[in-house]
């Protein structure tokens, strides 16, 4: 059982999605670097998802070229 079993998906307001806009199947390098920065900030702030954010940031950092 996952930690989300208590959520009622019909009660959640999801962000609107433009269905007529084509999306790339993978993140661009810029998007990957932006995601990496966000994950690193979440990890640095601490909190209930800090450990997961830290682990994901390390995985992403190992898979993409550096921004420099």
N, C-alpha and C. Protein backbone atom coordinates (compact mmCIF):
# COMPACT_ATOMS: atom_id res chain seq x y z
N UNK A 1 0.84 -1.18 0.00
CA UNK A 1 0.00 0.00 0.00
C UNK A 1 0.89 1.24 0.00
N UNK A 2 0.58 2.20 -0.88
CA UNK A 2 1.40 3.41 -0.94
C UNK A 2 0.87 4.48 0.00
N UNK A 3 1.60 5.56 0.09
CA UNK A 3 1.23 6.65 0.99
C UNK A 3 0.10 7.52 0.43
N UNK A 4 -0.38 7.22 -0.76
CA UNK A 4 -1.38 8.06 -1.41
C UNK A 4 -2.76 7.44 -1.42
N UNK A 5 -2.93 6.33 -0.74
CA UNK A 5 -4.22 5.63 -0.74
C UNK A 5 -5.32 6.48 -0.14
N UNK A 6 -4.98 7.40 0.74
CA UNK A 6 -5.99 8.23 1.40
C UNK A 6 -6.49 9.37 0.51
N UNK A 7 -5.84 9.63 -0.62
CA UNK A 7 -6.23 10.73 -1.49
C UNK A 7 -7.41 10.35 -2.38
N UNK A 8 -8.34 11.27 -2.53
CA UNK A 8 -9.46 11.11 -3.45
C UNK A 8 -9.14 11.96 -4.68
N UNK A 9 -8.79 11.32 -5.78
CA UNK A 9 -8.37 12.05 -6.97
C UNK A 9 -9.45 12.96 -7.53
N UNK A 10 -10.70 12.67 -7.24
CA UNK A 10 -11.78 13.53 -7.70
C UNK A 10 -11.84 14.84 -6.91
N UNK A 11 -11.17 14.90 -5.78
CA UNK A 11 -11.18 16.09 -4.93
C UNK A 11 -9.96 16.98 -5.13
N UNK A 12 -9.01 16.57 -5.98
CA UNK A 12 -7.78 17.32 -6.20
C UNK A 12 -7.92 18.20 -7.42
N UNK A 13 -7.53 19.46 -7.29
CA UNK A 13 -7.51 20.38 -8.43
C UNK A 13 -6.15 20.27 -9.11
N UNK A 14 -6.13 19.66 -10.28
CA UNK A 14 -4.89 19.52 -11.03
C UNK A 14 -4.67 20.74 -11.89
N UNK A 15 -3.41 21.02 -12.21
CA UNK A 15 -3.08 22.14 -13.09
C UNK A 15 -3.65 21.85 -14.48
N UNK A 16 -4.16 22.89 -15.13
CA UNK A 16 -4.70 22.67 -16.48
C UNK A 16 -3.60 22.27 -17.45
N UNK A 17 -3.93 21.42 -18.39
CA UNK A 17 -2.98 20.93 -19.38
C UNK A 17 -3.53 21.24 -20.76
N UNK A 18 -2.69 21.80 -21.60
CA UNK A 18 -3.07 22.06 -22.99
C UNK A 18 -2.88 20.76 -23.77
N UNK A 19 -3.96 20.14 -24.18
CA UNK A 19 -3.87 18.85 -24.87
C UNK A 19 -3.50 18.99 -26.33
N UNK A 20 -3.66 20.19 -26.89
CA UNK A 20 -3.33 20.36 -28.30
C UNK A 20 -1.86 20.71 -28.51
N UNK A 21 -1.11 20.85 -27.42
CA UNK A 21 0.30 21.18 -27.50
C UNK A 21 1.13 19.90 -27.43
N UNK A 22 1.98 19.70 -28.42
CA UNK A 22 2.81 18.49 -28.44
C UNK A 22 3.96 18.64 -27.44
N UNK A 23 4.21 17.58 -26.68
CA UNK A 23 5.29 17.59 -25.70
C UNK A 23 6.42 16.68 -26.15
N UNK A 24 7.63 17.06 -25.80
CA UNK A 24 8.77 16.21 -26.09
C UNK A 24 8.72 14.99 -25.18
N UNK A 25 9.15 13.83 -25.67
CA UNK A 25 9.11 12.62 -24.85
C UNK A 25 10.13 12.65 -23.70
N UNK A 26 11.14 13.49 -23.81
CA UNK A 26 12.18 13.60 -22.79
C UNK A 26 12.33 15.07 -22.39
N UNK A 27 12.93 15.30 -21.23
CA UNK A 27 13.22 16.67 -20.82
C UNK A 27 14.34 17.23 -21.68
N UNK A 28 14.27 18.53 -21.95
CA UNK A 28 15.42 19.17 -22.60
C UNK A 28 16.51 19.30 -21.55
N UNK A 29 17.71 19.59 -21.98
CA UNK A 29 18.81 19.75 -21.04
C UNK A 29 18.53 20.91 -20.08
N UNK A 30 17.97 21.99 -20.60
CA UNK A 30 17.61 23.13 -19.75
C UNK A 30 16.57 22.76 -18.71
N UNK A 31 15.56 21.99 -19.12
CA UNK A 31 14.54 21.54 -18.17
C UNK A 31 15.13 20.62 -17.11
N UNK A 32 16.05 19.76 -17.51
CA UNK A 32 16.70 18.85 -16.55
C UNK A 32 17.51 19.63 -15.53
N UNK A 33 18.21 20.68 -15.97
CA UNK A 33 18.98 21.49 -15.04
C UNK A 33 18.06 22.28 -14.10
N UNK A 34 16.93 22.76 -14.62
CA UNK A 34 15.97 23.48 -13.78
C UNK A 34 15.40 22.53 -12.72
N UNK A 35 15.03 21.33 -13.13
CA UNK A 35 14.51 20.33 -12.19
C UNK A 35 15.56 19.99 -11.14
N UNK A 36 16.79 19.84 -11.56
CA UNK A 36 17.88 19.56 -10.63
C UNK A 36 18.01 20.65 -9.58
N UNK A 37 17.95 21.92 -10.01
CA UNK A 37 18.04 23.04 -9.05
C UNK A 37 16.88 23.02 -8.05
N UNK A 38 15.68 22.74 -8.54
CA UNK A 38 14.51 22.69 -7.65
C UNK A 38 14.67 21.57 -6.63
N UNK A 39 15.07 20.40 -7.09
CA UNK A 39 15.28 19.27 -6.18
C UNK A 39 16.36 19.57 -5.14
N UNK A 40 17.42 20.22 -5.55
CA UNK A 40 18.48 20.57 -4.62
C UNK A 40 18.00 21.57 -3.57
N UNK A 41 17.15 22.52 -3.99
CA UNK A 41 16.60 23.48 -3.03
C UNK A 41 15.67 22.79 -2.03
N UNK A 42 14.84 21.87 -2.51
CA UNK A 42 13.95 21.13 -1.62
C UNK A 42 14.76 20.30 -0.63
N UNK A 43 15.81 19.67 -1.12
CA UNK A 43 16.66 18.86 -0.24
C UNK A 43 17.34 19.72 0.82
N UNK A 44 17.78 20.91 0.42
CA UNK A 44 18.49 21.79 1.35
C UNK A 44 17.57 22.36 2.43
N UNK A 45 16.29 22.55 2.10
CA UNK A 45 15.35 23.10 3.07
C UNK A 45 14.95 22.11 4.15
N UNK A 46 15.15 20.84 3.89
CA UNK A 46 14.74 19.81 4.85
C UNK A 46 13.26 19.54 4.70
N UNK A 47 12.70 18.84 5.62
CA UNK A 47 11.29 18.53 5.55
C UNK A 47 11.04 17.08 5.18
N UNK A 48 9.77 16.73 5.03
CA UNK A 48 9.42 15.32 4.85
C UNK A 48 9.88 14.69 3.54
N UNK A 49 10.15 15.49 2.51
CA UNK A 49 10.58 14.91 1.22
C UNK A 49 12.02 15.25 0.88
N UNK A 50 12.76 15.80 1.84
CA UNK A 50 14.14 16.21 1.59
C UNK A 50 15.02 15.04 1.17
N UNK A 51 14.89 13.91 1.82
CA UNK A 51 15.74 12.75 1.49
C UNK A 51 15.44 12.25 0.08
N UNK A 52 14.17 12.22 -0.29
CA UNK A 52 13.81 11.79 -1.64
C UNK A 52 14.32 12.79 -2.68
N UNK A 53 14.18 14.08 -2.40
CA UNK A 53 14.67 15.11 -3.31
C UNK A 53 16.17 15.01 -3.48
N UNK A 54 16.88 14.75 -2.39
CA UNK A 54 18.33 14.61 -2.45
C UNK A 54 18.73 13.42 -3.31
N UNK A 55 18.06 12.29 -3.10
CA UNK A 55 18.37 11.11 -3.91
C UNK A 55 18.09 11.32 -5.39
N UNK A 56 16.95 11.93 -5.69
CA UNK A 56 16.61 12.19 -7.09
C UNK A 56 17.56 13.20 -7.73
N UNK A 57 17.96 14.21 -6.96
CA UNK A 57 18.89 15.20 -7.52
C UNK A 57 20.23 14.55 -7.86
N UNK A 58 20.67 13.62 -7.03
CA UNK A 58 21.94 12.93 -7.32
C UNK A 58 21.81 12.04 -8.55
N UNK A 59 20.66 11.38 -8.71
CA UNK A 59 20.44 10.54 -9.89
C UNK A 59 20.42 11.37 -11.17
N UNK A 60 19.72 12.49 -11.11
CA UNK A 60 19.64 13.35 -12.31
C UNK A 60 21.01 13.95 -12.62
N UNK A 61 21.71 14.40 -11.59
CA UNK A 61 23.04 15.00 -11.80
C UNK A 61 24.00 14.00 -12.44
N UNK A 62 23.86 12.74 -12.10
CA UNK A 62 24.75 11.71 -12.67
C UNK A 62 24.40 11.39 -14.13
N UNK A 63 23.21 11.77 -14.57
CA UNK A 63 22.76 11.39 -15.91
C UNK A 63 22.78 12.51 -16.93
N UNK A 64 23.05 13.75 -16.51
CA UNK A 64 23.05 14.86 -17.45
C UNK A 64 24.40 15.55 -17.45
N UNK A 65 24.78 16.17 -18.56
CA UNK A 65 26.03 16.93 -18.60
C UNK A 65 25.92 18.14 -17.68
N UNK A 66 27.06 18.60 -17.18
CA UNK A 66 27.05 19.75 -16.28
C UNK A 66 26.62 21.00 -17.04
N UNK A 67 26.13 21.98 -16.30
CA UNK A 67 25.66 23.22 -16.90
C UNK A 67 26.82 24.12 -17.30
N UNK A 68 28.00 23.87 -16.77
CA UNK A 68 29.17 24.74 -17.04
C UNK A 68 29.81 24.44 -18.36
